[in-house]
PDB file of N, CA and C in Angstrom:
ATOM      1  N   MET A   1      32.559-125.558  11.566  1.00  0.00           N
ATOM      2  CA  MET A   1      31.286-125.132  11.274  1.00  0.00           C
ATOM      3  C   MET A   1      30.374-125.808  12.387  1.00  0.00           C
ATOM      4  N   THR A   2      29.571-125.142  12.955  1.00  0.00           N
ATOM      5  CA  THR A   2      28.622-125.498  14.092  1.00  0.00           C
ATOM      6  C   THR A   2      27.420-125.876  13.129  1.00  0.00           C
ATOM      7  N   VAL A   3      26.999-127.199  13.446  1.00  0.00           N
ATOM      8  CA  VAL A   3      25.835-127.800  12.686  1.00  0.00           C
ATOM      9  C   VAL A   3      24.558-127.508  13.783  1.00  0.00           C
ATOM     10  N   VAL A   4      23.500-126.945  13.325  1.00  0.00           N
ATOM     11  CA  VAL A   4      22.208-126.800  14.060  1.00  0.00           C
ATOM     12  C   VAL A   4      21.424-127.751  13.648  1.00  0.00           C
ATOM     13  N   TRP A   5      21.091-128.746  14.562  1.00  0.00           N
ATOM     14  CA  TRP A   5      20.081-129.993  14.271  1.00  0.00           C
ATOM     15  C   TRP A   5      18.828-129.550  14.789  1.00  0.00           C
ATOM     16  N   ARG A   6      17.840-129.930  13.778  1.00  0.00           N
ATOM     17  CA  ARG A   6      16.438-129.674  13.889  1.00  0.00           C
ATOM     18  C   ARG A   6      15.592-131.131  13.999  1.00  0.00           C
ATOM     19  N   LYS A   7      14.776-131.060  14.924  1.00  0.00           N
ATOM     20  CA  LYS A   7      13.640-132.316  14.940  1.00  0.00           C
ATOM     21  C   LYS A   7      12.410-131.831  14.252  1.00  0.00           C
ATOM     22  N   SER A   8      11.945-132.846  13.596  1.00  0.00           N
ATOM     23  CA  SER A   8      10.694-132.748  12.821  1.00  0.00           C
ATOM     24  C   SER A   8       9.582-132.140  13.672  1.00  0.00           C
ATOM     25  N   SER A   9       8.766-131.281  13.112  1.00  0.00           N
ATOM     26  CA  SER A   9       7.678-130.649  13.774  1.00  0.00           C
ATOM     27  C   SER A   9       6.525-131.878  14.008  1.00  0.00           C
ATOM     28  N   TYR A  10       6.866-132.890  13.256  1.00  0.00           N
ATOM     29  CA  TYR A  10       5.788-134.165  13.572  1.00  0.00           C
ATOM     30  C   TYR A  10       6.361-134.960  14.648  1.00  0.00           C
ATOM     31  N   SER A  11       7.346-134.616  15.198  1.00  0.00           N
ATOM     32  CA  SER A  11       7.951-135.493  16.413  1.00  0.00           C
ATOM     33  C   SER A  11       6.871-135.411  17.602  1.00  0.00           C
ATOM     34  N   GLY A  12       6.886-136.583  18.149  1.00  0.00           N
ATOM     35  CA  GLY A  12       5.915-136.712  19.282  1.00  0.00           C
ATOM     36  C   GLY A  12       6.289-136.105  20.656  1.00  0.00           C
ATOM     37  N   GLY A  13       7.404-135.463  20.567  1.00  0.00           N
ATOM     38  CA  GLY A  13       7.994-134.854  21.819  1.00  0.00           C
ATOM     39  C   GLY A  13       9.084-135.806  22.381  1.00  0.00           C
ATOM     40  N   ALA A  14       9.465-135.586  23.782  1.00  0.00           N
ATOM     41  CA  ALA A  14      10.481-136.127  24.324  1.00  0.00           C
ATOM     42  C   ALA A  14      10.318-137.723  24.451  1.00  0.00           C
ATOM     43  N   ASP A  15       8.992-138.115  24.533  1.00  0.00           N
ATOM     44  CA  ASP A  15       8.719-139.648  24.461  1.00  0.00           C
ATOM     45  C   ASP A  15       8.820-140.462  23.168  1.00  0.00           C
ATOM     46  N   ASP A  16       9.056-139.691  22.133  1.00  0.00           N
ATOM     47  CA  ASP A  16       8.993-140.120  20.773  1.00  0.00           C
ATOM     48  C   ASP A  16      10.286-141.051  20.515  1.00  0.00           C
ATOM     49  N   GLU A  17      10.066-142.290  20.385  1.00  0.00           N
ATOM     50  CA  GLU A  17      11.292-143.199  20.151  1.00  0.00           C
ATOM     51  C   GLU A  17      11.608-143.353  18.755  1.00  0.00           C
ATOM     52  N   GLN A  18      10.923-142.848  17.840  1.00  0.00           N
ATOM     53  CA  GLN A  18      11.159-142.754  16.230  1.00  0.00           C
ATOM     54  C   GLN A  18      11.436-141.514  15.740  1.00  0.00           C
ATOM     55  N   CYS A  19      12.474-140.814  16.032  1.00  0.00           N
ATOM     56  CA  CYS A  19      12.634-139.470  15.536  1.00  0.00           C
ATOM     57  C   CYS A  19      13.896-139.219  15.195  1.00  0.00           C
ATOM     58  N   ILE A  20      14.172-138.557  13.995  1.00  0.00           N
ATOM     59  CA  ILE A  20      15.358-138.173  13.508  1.00  0.00           C
ATOM     60  C   ILE A  20      15.542-136.736  13.477  1.00  0.00           C
ATOM     61  N   GLU A  21      16.752-136.207  13.395  1.00  0.00           N
ATOM     62  CA  GLU A  21      17.005-134.764  13.351  1.00  0.00           C
ATOM     63  C   GLU A  21      17.748-134.538  12.098  1.00  0.00           C
ATOM     64  N   LEU A  22      17.538-133.242  11.527  1.00  0.00           N
ATOM     65  CA  LEU A  22      18.165-132.756  10.185  1.00  0.00           C
ATOM     66  C   LEU A  22      19.324-131.741  10.603  1.00  0.00           C
ATOM     67  N   GLY A  23      20.371-131.672   9.928  1.00  0.00           N
ATOM     68  CA  GLY A  23      21.431-130.695  10.086  1.00  0.00           C
ATOM     69  C   GLY A  23      21.924-130.333   8.855  1.00  0.00           C
ATOM     70  N   ARG A  24      22.126-129.061   8.466  1.00  0.00           N
ATOM     71  CA  ARG A  24      22.803-128.437   7.108  1.00  0.00           C
ATOM     72  C   ARG A  24      24.232-128.677   7.491  1.00  0.00           C
ATOM     73  N   LEU A  25      24.921-129.461   6.762  1.00  0.00           N
ATOM     74  CA  LEU A  25      26.427-129.775   6.832  1.00  0.00           C
ATOM     75  C   LEU A  25      26.917-128.784   5.765  1.00  0.00           C
ATOM     76  N   ALA A  26      28.297-128.693   5.630  1.00  0.00           N
ATOM     77  CA  ALA A  26      29.071-127.925   4.609  1.00  0.00           C
ATOM     78  C   ALA A  26      28.656-128.168   3.210  1.00  0.00           C
ATOM     79  N   SER A  27      28.335-129.523   2.716  1.00  0.00           N
ATOM     80  CA  SER A  27      27.881-129.655   1.461  1.00  0.00           C
ATOM     81  C   SER A  27      26.979-130.758   1.316  1.00  0.00           C
ATOM     82  N   SER A  28      26.288-130.983   2.371  1.00  0.00           N
ATOM     83  CA  SER A  28      25.270-132.002   2.320  1.00  0.00           C
ATOM     84  C   SER A  28      24.291-131.777   3.448  1.00  0.00           C
ATOM     85  N   ILE A  29      23.297-132.796   3.604  1.00  0.00           N
ATOM     86  CA  ILE A  29      22.260-132.739   4.660  1.00  0.00           C
ATOM     87  C   ILE A  29      22.580-133.997   5.505  1.00  0.00           C
ATOM     88  N   GLY A  30      22.700-133.712   6.774  1.00  0.00           N
ATOM     89  CA  GLY A  30      22.832-134.662   7.723  1.00  0.00           C
ATOM     90  C   GLY A  30      21.529-135.085   8.572  1.00  0.00           C
ATOM     91  N   LEU A  31      21.417-136.576   8.605  1.00  0.00           N
ATOM     92  CA  LEU A  31      20.276-137.229   9.457  1.00  0.00           C
ATOM     93  C   LEU A  31      20.911-138.038  10.652  1.00  0.00           C
ATOM     94  N   ARG A  32      20.485-137.796  11.644  1.00  0.00           N
ATOM     95  CA  ARG A  32      20.860-138.562  12.927  1.00  0.00           C
ATOM     96  C   ARG A  32      19.649-139.042  13.762  1.00  0.00           C
ATOM     97  N   ASP A  33      20.059-139.908  14.605  1.00  0.00           N
ATOM     98  CA  ASP A  33      18.969-140.402  15.648  1.00  0.00           C
ATOM     99  C   ASP A  33      18.855-139.390  16.926  1.00  0.00           C
ATOM    100  N   SER A  34      17.848-138.940  17.028  1.00  0.00           N
ATOM    101  CA  SER A  34      17.664-137.827  17.999  1.00  0.00           C
ATOM    102  C   SER A  34      17.990-138.474  19.490  1.00  0.00           C
ATOM    103  N   LYS A  35      17.716-139.739  19.613  1.00  0.00           N
ATOM    104  CA  LYS A  35      18.060-140.287  20.953  1.00  0.00           C
ATOM    105  C   LYS A  35      19.512-140.911  21.098  1.00  0.00           C
ATOM    106  N   SER A  36      20.372-140.694  19.988  1.00  0.00           N
ATOM    107  CA  SER A  36      21.716-141.151  20.061  1.00  0.00           C
ATOM    108  C   SER A  36      22.601-140.199  19.160  1.00  0.00           C
ATOM    109  N   PRO A  37      22.539-139.094  19.526  1.00  0.00           N
ATOM    110  CA  PRO A  37      23.284-138.073  18.470  1.00  0.00           C
ATOM    111  C   PRO A  37      24.692-138.266  18.455  1.00  0.00           C
ATOM    112  N   ALA A  38      25.405-138.879  19.430  1.00  0.00           N
ATOM    113  CA  ALA A  38      26.835-139.188  19.570  1.00  0.00           C
ATOM    114  C   ALA A  38      27.177-140.370  18.614  1.00  0.00           C
ATOM    115  N   SER A  39      26.209-141.035  18.097  1.00  0.00           N
ATOM    116  CA  SER A  39      26.459-142.086  17.284  1.00  0.00           C
ATOM    117  C   SER A  39      26.699-141.915  15.929  1.00  0.00           C
ATOM    118  N   GLY A  40      26.768-140.640  15.589  1.00  0.00           N
ATOM    119  CA  GLY A  40      27.100-140.120  14.148  1.00  0.00           C
ATOM    120  C   GLY A  40      25.863-139.918  13.232  1.00  0.00           C
ATOM    121  N   HIS A  41      26.091-139.502  11.996  1.00  0.00           N
ATOM    122  CA  HIS A  41      24.992-139.132  11.191  1.00  0.00           C
ATOM    123  C   HIS A  41      25.118-139.707   9.727  1.00  0.00           C
ATOM    124  N   LEU A  42      24.140-139.794   8.897  1.00  0.00           N
ATOM    125  CA  LEU A  42      24.181-140.042   7.730  1.00  0.00           C
ATOM    126  C   LEU A  42      24.144-138.830   6.805  1.00  0.00           C
ATOM    127  N   SER A  43      25.004-138.717   5.878  1.00  0.00           N
ATOM    128  CA  SER A  43      25.118-137.515   4.928  1.00  0.00           C
ATOM    129  C   SER A  43      24.575-137.912   3.592  1.00  0.00           C
ATOM    130  N   LEU A  44      23.504-136.993   3.120  1.00  0.00           N
ATOM    131  CA  LEU A  44      23.005-137.151   1.971  1.00  0.00           C
ATOM    132  C   LEU A  44      23.010-135.782   1.006  1.00  0.00           C
ATOM    133  N   SER A  45      23.394-135.930  -0.269  1.00  0.00           N
ATOM    134  CA  SER A  45      23.440-134.654  -1.047  1.00  0.00           C
ATOM    135  C   SER A  45      21.936-134.212  -1.130  1.00  0.00           C
ATOM    136  N   GLU A  46      21.744-132.969  -1.528  1.00  0.00           N
ATOM    137  CA  GLU A  46      20.469-132.441  -1.857  1.00  0.00           C
ATOM    138  C   GLU A  46      19.613-133.115  -2.597  1.00  0.00           C
ATOM    139  N   VAL A  47      20.184-133.744  -3.602  1.00  0.00           N
ATOM    140  CA  VAL A  47      19.382-134.629  -4.684  1.00  0.00           C
ATOM    141  C   VAL A  47      18.964-135.838  -4.017  1.00  0.00           C
ATOM    142  N   GLU A  48      19.793-136.604  -3.217  1.00  0.00           N
ATOM    143  CA  GLU A  48      19.514-137.744  -2.407  1.00  0.00           C
ATOM    144  C   GLU A  48      18.357-137.546  -1.451  1.00  0.00           C
ATOM    145  N   PHE A  49      18.567-136.404  -0.611  1.00  0.00           N
ATOM    146  CA  PHE A  49      17.617-136.065   0.345  1.00  0.00           C
ATOM    147  C   PHE A  49      16.315-135.731  -0.351  1.00  0.00           C
ATOM    148  N   GLY A  50      16.133-135.075  -1.409  1.00  0.00           N
ATOM    149  CA  GLY A  50      14.942-134.848  -2.160  1.00  0.00           C
ATOM    150  C   GLY A  50      14.310-136.206  -2.672  1.00  0.00           C
ATOM    151  N   GLY A  51      15.100-137.102  -3.159  1.00  0.00           N
ATOM    152  CA  GLY A  51      14.678-138.382  -3.326  1.00  0.00           C
ATOM    153  C   GLY A  51      14.034-139.143  -2.166  1.00  0.00           C
ATOM    154  N   LEU A  52      14.742-139.253  -1.068  1.00  0.00           N
ATOM    155  CA  LEU A  52      14.038-139.686  -0.009  1.00  0.00           C
ATOM    156  C   LEU A  52      12.906-139.237   0.527  1.00  0.00           C
ATOM    157  N   VAL A  53      12.745-137.901   0.586  1.00  0.00           N
ATOM    158  CA  VAL A  53      11.559-137.238   0.967  1.00  0.00           C
ATOM    159  C   VAL A  53      10.304-137.622  -0.165  1.00  0.00           C
ATOM    160  N   GLU A  54      10.819-137.751  -1.517  1.00  0.00           N
ATOM    161  CA  GLU A  54       9.621-138.074  -2.229  1.00  0.00           C
ATOM    162  C   GLU A  54       9.244-139.532  -2.281  1.00  0.00           C
ATOM    163  N   SER A  55      10.090-140.421  -1.859  1.00  0.00           N
ATOM    164  CA  SER A  55       9.784-141.814  -1.818  1.00  0.00           C
ATOM    165  C   SER A  55       8.970-142.042  -0.410  1.00  0.00           C
ATOM    166  N   ILE A  56       9.278-141.298   0.619  1.00  0.00           N
ATOM    167  CA  ILE A  56       8.554-141.393   1.970  1.00  0.00           C
ATOM    168  C   ILE A  56       7.042-140.779   1.559  1.00  0.00           C
ATOM    169  N   LYS A  57       6.848-139.753   0.761  1.00  0.00           N
ATOM    170  CA  LYS A  57       5.579-139.199   0.616  1.00  0.00           C
ATOM    171  C   LYS A  57       4.823-140.186  -0.314  1.00  0.00           C
ATOM    172  N   ARG A  58       5.506-140.767  -1.348  1.00  0.00           N
ATOM    173  CA  ARG A  58       4.764-141.921  -2.109  1.00  0.00           C
ATOM    174  C   ARG A  58       4.342-143.096  -1.266  1.00  0.00           C
ATOM    175  N   ALA A  59       5.210-143.521  -0.387  1.00  0.00           N
ATOM    176  CA  ALA A  59       4.964-144.578   0.634  1.00  0.00           C
ATOM    177  C   ALA A  59       3.655-144.461   1.485  1.00  0.00           C
ATOM    178  N   GLN A  60       3.571-143.055   1.697  1.00  0.00           N
ATOM    179  CA  GLN A  60       2.462-142.732   2.627  1.00  0.00           C
ATOM    180  C   GLN A  60       1.188-142.241   1.881  1.00  0.00           C
ATOM    181  N   GLY A  61       1.341-142.157   0.536  1.00  0.00           N
ATOM    182  CA  GLY A  61       0.064-141.818  -0.288  1.00  0.00           C
ATOM    183  C   GLY A  61      -0.062-140.331  -0.281  1.00  0.00           C
ATOM    184  N   LEU A  62       1.030-139.770  -0.096  1.00  0.00           N
ATOM    185  CA  LEU A  62       0.972-138.150  -0.084  1.00  0.00           C
ATOM    186  C   LEU A  62       1.560-137.646  -1.576  1.00  0.00           C
ATOM    187  N   SER A  63       1.091-136.308  -1.869  1.00  0.00           N
ATOM    188  CA  SER A  63       1.542-135.866  -3.175  1.00  0.00           C
ATOM    189  C   SER A  63       2.186-134.449  -2.888  1.00  0.00           C
ATOM    190  N   GLY A  64       2.931-134.110  -3.855  1.00  0.00           N
ATOM    191  CA  GLY A  64       3.495-132.609  -3.833  1.00  0.00           C
ATOM    192  C   GLY A  64       4.528-132.468  -2.844  1.00  0.00           C
TER     193      GLY A  64
END
């Protein structure tokens, strides 16, 4: 399976030092450091990923 990694649309571009990429894995969602893709990735289930997104939104004072 070839994973297509995508960088956030909020990324600051090539000089952005704090950017992650997401990729759809066989049975999970992968997150990796865009500056060090060969270092591996973190795998989260869809439920775990959804919880992470909701936690980030709450921390930023965002809703929905």
